[in-house]
Amino acid sequence: MSHEIELVNGTAQMAYAGATPWHGLGAEVSDDISTDDMMKAAGLDWSVTKQPMYYMDDLGELGEVPGKAALVRSSDKKVLDTVGQGWNPVQNQEAFDFFRQFVEAGDMQMHTAGSLKGGKMVWALAKINDGFTIKTPQGEDTVESYLLFSNPHQYGKSIDVRFTPIRVVCNNTLTLSINQQVDNYVRMGHQTPFDAATAMETLGMAQQKMETYRGAAEYLCQKTYTSEQMLNYFNQVFPSASDNASYKAREAQEVMHTQAGANLGEGTFWQLFNTVTYMTDHTMGRNNDTRLQSSWYGTNANLKKKALELAVNA
């Protein structure tokens, strides 16, 4: 199975604390690793510079390409992308420095970091000392909170700092957008220098959103469904162009009984919602990498928001 984790001289550009990732690649690190050591362990201790680009005319003479620059990585001189002259690169060191004060204060622990798409996407995930546990008749269901920093070395992509809760029993990434104007992320373009203070706004959002999400989760865990409501819910989440249930809606009816933690909140809308997040994170998509991208940033992220809103409002 293909994956997008970058390999440099046969070494995966990734580091992780805790359980081994699905692909078995990367360097295992301790839970108390420093931000700088995590950056080095993940093979991300490099910088990028903008270098002029040239072309050869019909006479064989070189000329500089106006308004364009090559984004070059320091470690191997690889050209990551072509950018405009006004494009401001954000260095990996700046991304990891963002976490430093929180890690050193004991408020976070570095969890995972890596490089995707040949170095064009660098990301770091830190666990926040915040979360909650729902007590269900079948046992406890724990949700932990993480902060994800995505630093694209790619034209047209924005720096993205977002709050990402994860359900421990199944590693599902969840969503906090519950019909609110304020989302759970901050995006910044490369036209201006990186502003750490703006990025830190996500921490304030995180506390507010986590409390909101906790209330929604506890509500869903008390909200039972009928067979008709279950069918309607999955058909709304995975609509079909015909009158028949879509393939995904039928698959969901099986996954709800086989997913990790299926017994927790059994018979409630919490079980139905977690069925959707399990599918988006573990079964949908061509492979695990496309699944990861989609669950954090793409179609599946929006699908999870829709699923949560439908469950709350059903």
C-alpha atoms as a PDB file:
ATOM      1  CA  MET A   1       0.000   0.000   0.000  1.00  0.00           C
ATOM      2  CA  SER A   2       1.378   3.395  -0.965  1.00  0.00           C
ATOM      3  CA  HIS A   3       1.761   6.197   1.520  1.00  0.00           C
ATOM      4  CA  GLU A   4       2.737   9.847   1.426  1.00  0.00           C
ATOM      5  CA  ILE A   5       5.156   9.842   4.359  1.00  0.00           C
ATOM      6  CA  GLU A   6       8.444  11.164   3.021  1.00  0.00           C
ATOM      7  CA  LEU A   7      11.393   8.791   2.796  1.00  0.00           C
ATOM      8  CA  VAL A   8      14.914  10.264   2.642  1.00  0.00           C
ATOM      9  CA  ASN A   9      17.682   7.730   2.011  1.00  0.00           C
ATOM     10  CA  GLY A  10      15.265   5.026   3.116  1.00  0.00           C
ATOM     11  CA  THR A  11      14.449   6.742   6.418  1.00  0.00           C
ATOM     12  CA  ALA A  12      10.888   7.828   7.179  1.00  0.00           C
ATOM     13  CA  GLN A  13      10.633  11.500   8.074  1.00  0.00           C
ATOM     14  CA  MET A  14       8.438  10.951  11.102  1.00  0.00           C
ATOM     15  CA  ALA A  15       8.628  10.510  14.869  1.00  0.00           C
ATOM     16  CA  TYR A  16       5.950   9.325  17.267  1.00  0.00           C
ATOM     17  CA  ALA A  17       5.314   8.784  20.964  1.00  0.00           C
ATOM     18  CA  GLY A  18       3.109   5.909  22.050  1.00  0.00           C
ATOM     19  CA  ALA A  19       1.619   3.274  19.774  1.00  0.00           C
ATOM     20  CA  THR A  20       3.376   2.394  16.510  1.00  0.00           C
ATOM     21  CA  PRO A  21       1.610   3.983  13.488  1.00  0.00           C
ATOM     22  CA  TRP A  22      -0.191   1.805  10.946  1.00  0.00           C
ATOM     23  CA  HIS A  23       2.729   1.890   8.502  1.00  0.00           C
ATOM     24  CA  GLY A  24       5.356   0.903  11.102  1.00  0.00           C
ATOM     25  CA  LEU A  25       7.669   3.704   9.955  1.00  0.00           C
ATOM     26  CA  GLY A  26       9.363   6.487  11.870  1.00  0.00           C
ATOM     27  CA  ALA A  27      11.377   6.912  15.051  1.00  0.00           C
ATOM     28  CA  GLU A  28       9.793   6.050  18.386  1.00  0.00           C
ATOM     29  CA  VAL A  29      10.405   8.724  21.027  1.00  0.00           C
ATOM     30  CA  SER A  30       9.601   9.187  24.714  1.00  0.00           C
ATOM     31  CA  ASP A  31       6.488  11.008  25.910  1.00  0.00           C
ATOM     32  CA  ASP A  32       8.590  13.739  27.526  1.00  0.00           C
ATOM     33  CA  ILE A  33      10.657  14.615  24.448  1.00  0.00           C
ATOM     34  CA  SER A  34      11.525  18.283  23.883  1.00  0.00           C
ATOM     35  CA  THR A  35      10.282  20.171  20.850  1.00  0.00           C
ATOM     36  CA  ASP A  36      13.773  20.421  19.332  1.00  0.00           C
ATOM     37  CA  ASP A  37      14.474  16.725  19.855  1.00  0.00           C
ATOM     38  CA  MET A  38      11.124  15.833  18.277  1.00  0.00           C
ATOM     39  CA  MET A  39      11.963  17.976  15.256  1.00  0.00           C
ATOM     40  CA  LYS A  40      15.325  16.234  14.867  1.00  0.00           C
ATOM     41  CA  ALA A  41      13.900  12.737  15.429  1.00  0.00           C
ATOM     42  CA  ALA A  42      11.343  13.355  12.683  1.00  0.00           C
ATOM     43  CA  GLY A  43      14.073  14.513  10.282  1.00  0.00           C
ATOM     44  CA  LEU A  44      12.627  18.013  10.128  1.00  0.00           C
ATOM     45  CA  ASP A  45      15.677  20.002  11.267  1.00  0.00           C
ATOM     46  CA  TRP A  46      16.032  21.779   7.931  1.00  0.00           C
ATOM     47  CA  SER A  47      15.089  25.179   6.564  1.00  0.00           C
ATOM     48  CA  VAL A  48      13.841  26.509   3.243  1.00  0.00           C
ATOM     49  CA  THR A  49      15.077  29.466   1.199  1.00  0.00           C
ATOM     50  CA  LYS A  50      13.822  31.240  -1.881  1.00  0.00           C
ATOM     51  CA  GLN A  51      16.274  31.026  -4.766  1.00  0.00           C
ATOM     52  CA  PRO A  52      16.050  32.832  -8.140  1.00  0.00           C
ATOM     53  CA  MET A  53      14.920  30.837 -11.163  1.00  0.00           C
ATOM     54  CA  TYR A  54      16.471  31.048 -14.613  1.00  0.00           C
ATOM     55  CA  TYR A  55      15.558  30.122 -18.173  1.00  0.00           C
ATOM     56  CA  MET A  56      17.646  29.691 -21.331  1.00  0.00           C
ATOM     57  CA  ASP A  57      16.638  31.683 -24.390  1.00  0.00           C
ATOM     58  CA  ASP A  58      17.029  30.729 -28.051  1.00  0.00           C
ATOM     59  CA  LEU A  59      20.580  32.097 -28.065  1.00  0.00           C
ATOM     60  CA  GLY A  60      21.581  29.908 -25.156  1.00  0.00           C
ATOM     61  CA  GLU A  61      21.765  32.813 -22.719  1.00  0.00           C
ATOM     62  CA  LEU A  62      20.381  32.632 -19.187  1.00  0.00           C
ATOM     63  CA  GLY A  63      17.730  35.033 -17.959  1.00  0.00           C
ATOM     64  CA  GLU A  64      16.089  35.299 -14.549  1.00  0.00           C
ATOM     65  CA  VAL A  65      12.403  34.398 -14.335  1.00  0.00           C
ATOM     66  CA  PRO A  66      10.667  37.555 -13.069  1.00  0.00           C
ATOM     67  CA  GLY A  67       8.441  37.339  -9.986  1.00  0.00           C
ATOM     68  CA  LYS A  68       9.159  33.664  -9.339  1.00  0.00           C
ATOM     69  CA  ALA A  69      11.455  31.804  -6.945  1.00  0.00           C
ATOM     70  CA  ALA A  70      12.334  28.194  -6.216  1.00  0.00           C
ATOM     71  CA  LEU A  71      11.655  27.070  -2.650  1.00  0.00           C
ATOM     72  CA  VAL A  72      14.769  25.038  -1.819  1.00  0.00           C
ATOM     73  CA  ARG A  73      15.319  22.760   1.180  1.00  0.00           C
ATOM     74  CA  SER A  74      18.653  23.188   2.958  1.00  0.00           C
ATOM     75  CA  SER A  75      19.274  19.521   3.785  1.00  0.00           C
ATOM     76  CA  ASP A  76      19.434  18.163   0.229  1.00  0.00           C
ATOM     77  CA  LYS A  77      18.877  21.208  -2.032  1.00  0.00           C
ATOM     78  CA  LYS A  78      15.584  19.736  -3.174  1.00  0.00           C
ATOM     79  CA  VAL A  79      13.183  22.163  -4.858  1.00  0.00           C
ATOM     80  CA  LEU A  80       9.916  21.808  -2.967  1.00  0.00           C
ATOM     81  CA  ASP A  81       7.863  24.227  -5.055  1.00  0.00           C
ATOM     82  CA  THR A  82       7.795  27.407  -7.120  1.00  0.00           C
ATOM     83  CA  VAL A  83       6.517  30.477  -5.269  1.00  0.00           C
ATOM     84  CA  GLY A  84       6.094  34.196  -5.820  1.00  0.00           C
ATOM     85  CA  GLN A  85       8.635  36.735  -4.613  1.00  0.00           C
ATOM     86  CA  GLY A  86       6.175  37.969  -1.981  1.00  0.00           C
ATOM     87  CA  TRP A  87       5.722  34.499  -0.509  1.00  0.00           C
ATOM     88  CA  ASN A  88       7.122  34.265   3.050  1.00  0.00           C
ATOM     89  CA  PRO A  89       8.326  30.791   4.074  1.00  0.00           C
ATOM     90  CA  VAL A  90       7.678  29.654   7.641  1.00  0.00           C
ATOM     91  CA  GLN A  91      10.559  27.566   8.929  1.00  0.00           C
ATOM     92  CA  ASN A  92      10.032  24.250  10.688  1.00  0.00           C
ATOM     93  CA  GLN A  93      11.851  25.717  13.688  1.00  0.00           C
ATOM     94  CA  GLU A  94       9.133  28.365  13.998  1.00  0.00           C
ATOM     95  CA  ALA A  95       6.445  25.687  14.004  1.00  0.00           C
ATOM     96  CA  PHE A  96       8.140  23.726  16.779  1.00  0.00           C
ATOM     97  CA  ASP A  97       8.966  26.897  18.710  1.00  0.00           C
ATOM     98  CA  PHE A  98       5.223  27.546  18.793  1.00  0.00           C
ATOM     99  CA  PHE A  99       4.841  24.466  21.017  1.00  0.00           C
ATOM    100  CA  ARG A 100       7.949  25.080  23.109  1.00  0.00           C
ATOM    101  CA  GLN A 101       6.566  27.261  25.906  1.00  0.00           C
ATOM    102  CA  PHE A 102       3.584  24.963  26.418  1.00  0.00           C
ATOM    103  CA  VAL A 103       5.701  21.809  26.494  1.00  0.00           C
ATOM    104  CA  GLU A 104       8.225  23.343  28.879  1.00  0.00           C
ATOM    105  CA  ALA A 105       5.402  24.536  31.159  1.00  0.00           C
ATOM    106  CA  GLY A 106       3.967  21.016  31.257  1.00  0.00           C
ATOM    107  CA  ASP A 107       0.754  21.983  29.455  1.00  0.00           C
ATOM    108  CA  MET A 108       1.431  19.793  26.388  1.00  0.00           C
ATOM    109  CA  GLN A 109       3.472  16.811  25.275  1.00  0.00           C
ATOM    110  CA  MET A 110       4.769  16.346  21.745  1.00  0.00           C
ATOM    111  CA  HIS A 111       2.991  13.372  20.227  1.00  0.00           C
ATOM    112  CA  THR A 112       3.718  12.973  16.506  1.00  0.00           C
ATOM    113  CA  ALA A 113       5.518  14.904  13.776  1.00  0.00           C
ATOM    114  CA  GLY A 114       6.386  14.215  10.195  1.00  0.00           C
ATOM    115  CA  SER A 115       6.726  15.210   6.587  1.00  0.00           C
ATOM    116  CA  LEU A 116       4.310  14.342   3.795  1.00  0.00           C
ATOM    117  CA  LYS A 117       4.286  14.810   0.028  1.00  0.00           C
ATOM    118  CA  GLY A 118       8.041  14.879  -0.389  1.00  0.00           C
ATOM    119  CA  GLY A 119       8.547  17.588   2.229  1.00  0.00           C
ATOM    120  CA  LYS A 120       5.794  19.898   1.004  1.00  0.00           C
ATOM    121  CA  MET A 121       3.693  19.354   4.130  1.00  0.00           C
ATOM    122  CA  VAL A 122       5.278  19.362   7.588  1.00  0.00           C
ATOM    123  CA  TRP A 123       3.053  18.761  10.586  1.00  0.00           C
ATOM    124  CA  ALA A 124       3.336  18.378  14.341  1.00  0.00           C
ATOM    125  CA  LEU A 125       0.746  17.119  16.807  1.00  0.00           C
ATOM    126  CA  ALA A 126       0.902  17.848  20.539  1.00  0.00           C
ATOM    127  CA  LYS A 127      -1.329  16.422  23.254  1.00  0.00           C
ATOM    128  CA  ILE A 128      -2.971  19.041  25.477  1.00  0.00           C
ATOM    129  CA  ASN A 129      -3.518  18.288  29.148  1.00  0.00           C
ATOM    130  CA  ASP A 130      -7.254  18.538  28.724  1.00  0.00           C
ATOM    131  CA  GLY A 131     -10.011  16.111  27.860  1.00  0.00           C
ATOM    132  CA  PHE A 132     -13.030  14.373  29.299  1.00  0.00           C
ATOM    133  CA  THR A 133     -14.473  10.957  30.043  1.00  0.00           C
ATOM    134  CA  ILE A 134     -18.079   9.958  29.446  1.00  0.00           C
ATOM    135  CA  LYS A 135     -19.473   7.330  31.776  1.00  0.00           C
ATOM    136  CA  THR A 136     -21.677   4.948  29.812  1.00  0.00           C
ATOM    137  CA  PRO A 137     -23.501   1.881  31.184  1.00  0.00           C
ATOM    138  CA  GLN A 138     -20.930  -0.219  29.315  1.00  0.00           C
ATOM    139  CA  GLY A 139     -17.838   1.600  30.626  1.00  0.00           C
ATOM    140  CA  GLU A 140     -15.850   4.815  30.309  1.00  0.00           C
ATOM    141  CA  ASP A 141     -15.287   6.520  26.947  1.00  0.00           C
ATOM    142  CA  THR A 142     -12.377   8.984  26.939  1.00  0.00           C
ATOM    143  CA  VAL A 143     -11.745  11.852  24.522  1.00  0.00           C
ATOM    144  CA  GLU A 144      -8.334  13.554  24.563  1.00  0.00           C
ATOM    145  CA  SER A 145      -7.416  16.882  22.994  1.00  0.00           C
ATOM    146  CA  TYR A 146      -4.572  17.685  20.604  1.00  0.00           C
ATOM    147  CA  LEU A 147      -3.216  20.717  18.793  1.00  0.00           C
ATOM    148  CA  LEU A 148      -2.194  20.209  15.173  1.00  0.00           C
ATOM    149  CA  PHE A 149       0.232  22.565  13.421  1.00  0.00           C
ATOM    150  CA  SER A 150       0.487  22.126   9.645  1.00  0.00           C
ATOM    151  CA  ASN A 151       3.261  24.017   7.868  1.00  0.00           C
ATOM    152  CA  PRO A 152       3.016  23.708   4.069  1.00  0.00           C
ATOM    153  CA  HIS A 153       6.087  24.468   1.984  1.00  0.00           C
ATOM    154  CA  GLN A 154       3.825  24.755  -1.020  1.00  0.00           C
ATOM    155  CA  TYR A 155       2.371  27.630  -3.003  1.00  0.00           C
ATOM    156  CA  GLY A 156      -1.339  28.215  -2.443  1.00  0.00           C
ATOM    157  CA  LYS A 157      -1.452  26.393   0.908  1.00  0.00           C
ATOM    158  CA  SER A 158      -1.983  28.159   4.230  1.00  0.00           C
ATOM    159  CA  ILE A 159      -0.443  27.543   7.631  1.00  0.00           C
ATOM    160  CA  ASP A 160      -3.092  25.749   9.658  1.00  0.00           C
ATOM    161  CA  VAL A 161      -3.236  25.482  13.464  1.00  0.00           C
ATOM    162  CA  ARG A 162      -6.240  23.581  14.736  1.00  0.00           C
ATOM    163  CA  PHE A 163      -7.669  21.837  17.770  1.00  0.00           C
ATOM    164  CA  THR A 164      -8.321  18.127  17.201  1.00  0.00           C
ATOM    165  CA  PRO A 165     -10.049  15.891  19.767  1.00  0.00           C
ATOM    166  CA  ILE A 166      -9.402  12.161  19.469  1.00  0.00           C
ATOM    167  CA  ARG A 167     -11.519   9.349  20.891  1.00  0.00           C
ATOM    168  CA  VAL A 168      -9.020   7.104  22.643  1.00  0.00           C
ATOM    169  CA  VAL A 169     -10.712   3.723  22.238  1.00  0.00           C
ATOM    170  CA  CYS A 170     -10.583   3.851  18.434  1.00  0.00           C
ATOM    171  CA  ASN A 171      -8.269   6.768  17.544  1.00  0.00           C
ATOM    172  CA  ASN A 172     -11.089   8.580  15.753  1.00  0.00           C
ATOM    173  CA  THR A 173     -10.436  12.258  15.087  1.00  0.00           C
ATOM    174  CA  LEU A 174     -13.534  14.240  15.941  1.00  0.00           C
ATOM    175  CA  THR A 175     -14.960  17.659  15.181  1.00  0.00           C
ATOM    176  CA  LEU A 176     -15.998  20.607  17.307  1.00  0.00           C
ATOM    177  CA  SER A 177     -18.043  22.627  14.847  1.00  0.00           C
ATOM    178  CA  ILE A 178     -21.570  22.565  16.244  1.00  0.00           C
ATOM    179  CA  ASN A 179     -23.462  25.253  14.315  1.00  0.00           C
ATOM    180  CA  GLN A 180     -21.136  27.962  15.643  1.00  0.00           C
ATOM    181  CA  GLN A 181     -19.529  30.893  13.873  1.00  0.00           C
ATOM    182  CA  VAL A 182     -16.118  30.337  15.482  1.00  0.00           C
ATOM    183  CA  ASP A 183     -14.291  27.315  14.107  1.00  0.00           C
ATOM    184  CA  ASN A 184     -11.558  25.254  15.755  1.00  0.00           C
ATOM    185  CA  TYR A 185      -8.637  26.443  13.636  1.00  0.00           C
ATOM    186  CA  VAL A 186      -6.612  29.463  12.561  1.00  0.00           C
ATOM    187  CA  ARG A 187      -5.283  29.785   9.013  1.00  0.00           C
ATOM    188  CA  MET A 188      -2.575  32.186   7.912  1.00  0.00           C
ATOM    189  CA  GLY A 189      -1.242  32.844   4.438  1.00  0.00           C
ATOM    190  CA  HIS A 190       2.382  33.336   3.427  1.00  0.00           C
ATOM    191  CA  GLN A 191       2.006  36.950   2.324  1.00  0.00           C
ATOM    192  CA  THR A 192       2.991  38.189   5.796  1.00  0.00           C
ATOM    193  CA  PRO A 193       5.454  36.829   8.389  1.00  0.00           C
ATOM    194  CA  PHE A 194       4.200  34.105  10.726  1.00  0.00           C
ATOM    195  CA  ASP A 195       2.386  35.536  13.768  1.00  0.00           C
ATOM    196  CA  ALA A 196       2.621  33.156  16.725  1.00  0.00           C
ATOM    197  CA  ALA A 197       0.206  35.269  18.785  1.00  0.00           C
ATOM    198  CA  THR A 198      -2.528  34.782  16.197  1.00  0.00           C
ATOM    199  CA  ALA A 199      -1.846  31.055  16.079  1.00  0.00           C
ATOM    200  CA  MET A 200      -2.174  30.869  19.857  1.00  0.00           C
ATOM    201  CA  GLU A 201      -5.791  31.966  19.531  1.00  0.00           C
ATOM    202  CA  THR A 202      -6.534  28.296  18.903  1.00  0.00           C
ATOM    203  CA  LEU A 203      -5.746  27.552  22.541  1.00  0.00           C
ATOM    204  CA  GLY A 204      -8.538  29.828  23.694  1.00  0.00           C
ATOM    205  CA  MET A 205     -10.812  28.221  21.137  1.00  0.00           C
ATOM    206  CA  ALA A 206      -9.745  24.802  22.355  1.00  0.00           C
ATOM    207  CA  GLN A 207     -10.982  25.300  25.901  1.00  0.00           C
ATOM    208  CA  GLN A 208     -14.264  26.797  24.758  1.00  0.00           C
ATOM    209  CA  LYS A 209     -14.824  24.190  22.082  1.00  0.00           C
ATOM    210  CA  MET A 210     -13.928  21.258  24.312  1.00  0.00           C
ATOM    211  CA  GLU A 211     -16.580  22.269  26.839  1.00  0.00           C
ATOM    212  CA  THR A 212     -19.120  22.660  24.039  1.00  0.00           C
ATOM    213  CA  TYR A 213     -18.180  19.310  22.586  1.00  0.00           C
ATOM    214  CA  ARG A 214     -18.312  17.621  25.979  1.00  0.00           C
ATOM    215  CA  GLY A 215     -21.883  18.830  26.422  1.00  0.00           C
ATOM    216  CA  ALA A 216     -22.833  17.526  22.983  1.00  0.00           C
ATOM    217  CA  ALA A 217     -21.172  14.156  23.623  1.00  0.00           C
ATOM    218  CA  GLU A 218     -22.923  13.698  26.962  1.00  0.00           C
ATOM    219  CA  TYR A 219     -26.222  14.654  25.328  1.00  0.00           C
ATOM    220  CA  LEU A 220     -25.748  12.150  22.493  1.00  0.00           C
ATOM    221  CA  CYS A 221     -24.825   9.442  24.988  1.00  0.00           C
ATOM    222  CA  GLN A 222     -28.219   9.878  26.659  1.00  0.00           C
ATOM    223  CA  LYS A 223     -30.163  10.155  23.401  1.00  0.00           C
ATOM    224  CA  THR A 224     -31.440   6.750  22.280  1.00  0.00           C
ATOM    225  CA  TYR A 225     -32.570   5.969  18.748  1.00  0.00           C
ATOM    226  CA  THR A 226     -35.197   3.808  17.091  1.00  0.00           C
ATOM    227  CA  SER A 227     -34.478   1.590  14.091  1.00  0.00           C
ATOM    228  CA  GLU A 228     -36.182   4.144  11.856  1.00  0.00           C
ATOM    229  CA  GLN A 229     -34.101   6.997  13.297  1.00  0.00           C
ATOM    230  CA  MET A 230     -30.915   5.000  12.777  1.00  0.00           C
ATOM    231  CA  LEU A 231     -31.743   4.347   9.119  1.00  0.00           C
ATOM    232  CA  ASN A 232     -32.718   7.973   8.524  1.00  0.00           C
ATOM    233  CA  TYR A 233     -29.514   9.199  10.160  1.00  0.00           C
ATOM    234  CA  PHE A 234     -27.158   7.094   8.042  1.00  0.00           C
ATOM    235  CA  ASN A 235     -29.131   7.909   4.883  1.00  0.00           C
ATOM    236  CA  GLN A 236     -28.785  11.626   5.638  1.00  0.00           C
ATOM    237  CA  VAL A 237     -25.064  11.363   6.354  1.00  0.00           C
ATOM    238  CA  PHE A 238     -24.469   9.187   3.274  1.00  0.00           C
ATOM    239  CA  PRO A 239     -27.240  10.236   0.848  1.00  0.00           C
ATOM    240  CA  SER A 240     -28.058   8.248  -2.273  1.00  0.00           C
ATOM    241  CA  ALA A 241     -29.148   9.575  -5.659  1.00  0.00           C
ATOM    242  CA  SER A 242     -31.830   6.874  -5.746  1.00  0.00           C
ATOM    243  CA  ASP A 243     -34.519   5.863  -3.284  1.00  0.00           C
ATOM    244  CA  ASN A 244     -32.353   2.993  -2.075  1.00  0.00           C
ATOM    245  CA  ALA A 245     -29.869   3.347   0.784  1.00  0.00           C
ATOM    246  CA  SER A 246     -26.361   4.160  -0.384  1.00  0.00           C
ATOM    247  CA  TYR A 247     -23.559   1.633  -0.084  1.00  0.00           C
ATOM    248  CA  LYS A 248     -21.957   3.702   2.685  1.00  0.00           C
ATOM    249  CA  ALA A 249     -25.241   3.885   4.605  1.00  0.00           C
ATOM    250  CA  ARG A 250     -25.559   0.101   4.445  1.00  0.00           C
ATOM    251  CA  GLU A 251     -21.923  -0.316   5.444  1.00  0.00           C
ATOM    252  CA  ALA A 252     -22.486   1.966   8.442  1.00  0.00           C
ATOM    253  CA  GLN A 253     -25.173  -0.372   9.753  1.00  0.00           C
ATOM    254  CA  GLU A 254     -22.539  -3.105   9.958  1.00  0.00           C
ATOM    255  CA  VAL A 255     -19.678  -0.935  11.220  1.00  0.00           C
ATOM    256  CA  MET A 256     -21.729   0.347  14.154  1.00  0.00           C
ATOM    257  CA  HIS A 257     -21.577  -3.153  15.652  1.00  0.00           C
ATOM    258  CA  THR A 258     -17.961  -3.995  14.761  1.00  0.00           C
ATOM    259  CA  GLN A 259     -16.058  -0.710  15.308  1.00  0.00           C
ATOM    260  CA  ALA A 260     -13.696  -0.354  18.250  1.00  0.00           C
ATOM    261  CA  GLY A 261     -15.699   0.784  21.270  1.00  0.00           C
ATOM    262  CA  ALA A 262     -18.998  -0.202  19.626  1.00  0.00           C
ATOM    263  CA  ASN A 263     -20.434  -1.205  22.996  1.00  0.00           C
ATOM    264  CA  LEU A 264     -19.796   2.211  24.565  1.00  0.00           C
ATOM    265  CA  GLY A 265     -23.008   4.192  24.353  1.00  0.00           C
ATOM    266  CA  GLU A 266     -24.683   1.312  22.544  1.00  0.00           C
ATOM    267  CA  GLY A 267     -28.182   2.178  21.386  1.00  0.00           C
ATOM    268  CA  THR A 268     -27.537   5.940  21.472  1.00  0.00           C
ATOM    269  CA  PHE A 269     -26.715   8.626  18.926  1.00  0.00           C
ATOM    270  CA  TRP A 270     -23.182   8.666  20.372  1.00  0.00           C
ATOM    271  CA  GLN A 271     -22.766   5.194  18.870  1.00  0.00           C
ATOM    272  CA  LEU A 272     -24.168   6.365  15.518  1.00  0.00           C
ATOM    273  CA  PHE A 273     -21.944   9.442  15.360  1.00  0.00           C
ATOM    274  CA  ASN A 274     -18.850   7.433  16.285  1.00  0.00           C
ATOM    275  CA  THR A 275     -19.711   4.990  13.501  1.00  0.00           C
ATOM    276  CA  VAL A 276     -19.320   7.832  11.001  1.00  0.00           C
ATOM    277  CA  THR A 277     -16.025   9.051  12.490  1.00  0.00           C
ATOM    278  CA  TYR A 278     -14.705   5.490  12.507  1.00  0.00           C
ATOM    279  CA  MET A 279     -15.542   5.067   8.833  1.00  0.00           C
ATOM    280  CA  THR A 280     -13.991   8.382   7.780  1.00  0.00           C
ATOM    281  CA  ASP A 281     -10.787   7.659   9.704  1.00  0.00           C
ATOM    282  CA  HIS A 282     -10.378   3.915   9.151  1.00  0.00           C
ATOM    283  CA  THR A 283     -12.301   2.596   6.129  1.00  0.00           C
ATOM    284  CA  MET A 284     -13.110   5.346   3.614  1.00  0.00           C
ATOM    285  CA  GLY A 285     -10.613   6.537   1.005  1.00  0.00           C
ATOM    286  CA  ARG A 286      -8.009   4.851  -1.182  1.00  0.00           C
ATOM    287  CA  ASN A 287      -5.433   4.426   1.579  1.00  0.00           C
ATOM    288  CA  ASN A 288      -4.511   5.583   5.069  1.00  0.00           C
ATOM    289  CA  ASP A 289      -2.697   8.716   3.880  1.00  0.00           C
ATOM    290  CA  THR A 290      -5.549  10.080   1.798  1.00  0.00           C
ATOM    291  CA  ARG A 291      -7.810   9.201   4.725  1.00  0.00           C
ATOM    292  CA  LEU A 292      -5.623  11.224   7.093  1.00  0.00           C
ATOM    293  CA  GLN A 293      -5.581  14.276   4.819  1.00  0.00           C
ATOM    294  CA  SER A 294      -9.333  14.120   4.256  1.00  0.00           C
ATOM    295  CA  SER A 295     -10.160  13.588   7.933  1.00  0.00           C
ATOM    296  CA  TRP A 296      -8.134  16.611   9.016  1.00  0.00           C
ATOM    297  CA  TYR A 297      -8.671  19.051   6.156  1.00  0.00           C
ATOM    298  CA  GLY A 298     -10.896  17.699   3.411  1.00  0.00           C
ATOM    299  CA  THR A 299     -14.207  16.112   2.541  1.00  0.00           C
ATOM    300  CA  ASN A 300     -14.313  13.773   5.513  1.00  0.00           C
ATOM    301  CA  ALA A 301     -13.701  16.631   7.959  1.00  0.00           C
ATOM    302  CA  ASN A 302     -16.835  18.306   6.605  1.00  0.00           C
ATOM    303  CA  LEU A 303     -18.694  15.005   6.691  1.00  0.00           C
ATOM    304  CA  LYS A 304     -17.947  14.631  10.406  1.00  0.00           C
ATOM    305  CA  LYS A 305     -19.267  18.126  11.082  1.00  0.00           C
ATOM    306  CA  LYS A 306     -22.439  17.239   9.218  1.00  0.00           C
ATOM    307  CA  ALA A 307     -22.764  13.956  11.129  1.00  0.00           C
ATOM    308  CA  LEU A 308     -22.443  15.692  14.489  1.00  0.00           C
ATOM    309  CA  GLU A 309     -25.015  18.342  13.642  1.00  0.00           C
ATOM    310  CA  LEU A 310     -27.471  15.726  12.374  1.00  0.00           C
ATOM    311  CA  ALA A 311     -27.028  13.640  15.529  1.00  0.00           C
ATOM    312  CA  VAL A 312     -27.562  16.611  17.851  1.00  0.00           C
ATOM    313  CA  ASN A 313     -30.599  17.863  15.948  1.00  0.00           C
ATOM    314  CA  ALA A 314     -32.248  14.504  15.179  1.00  0.00           C
END
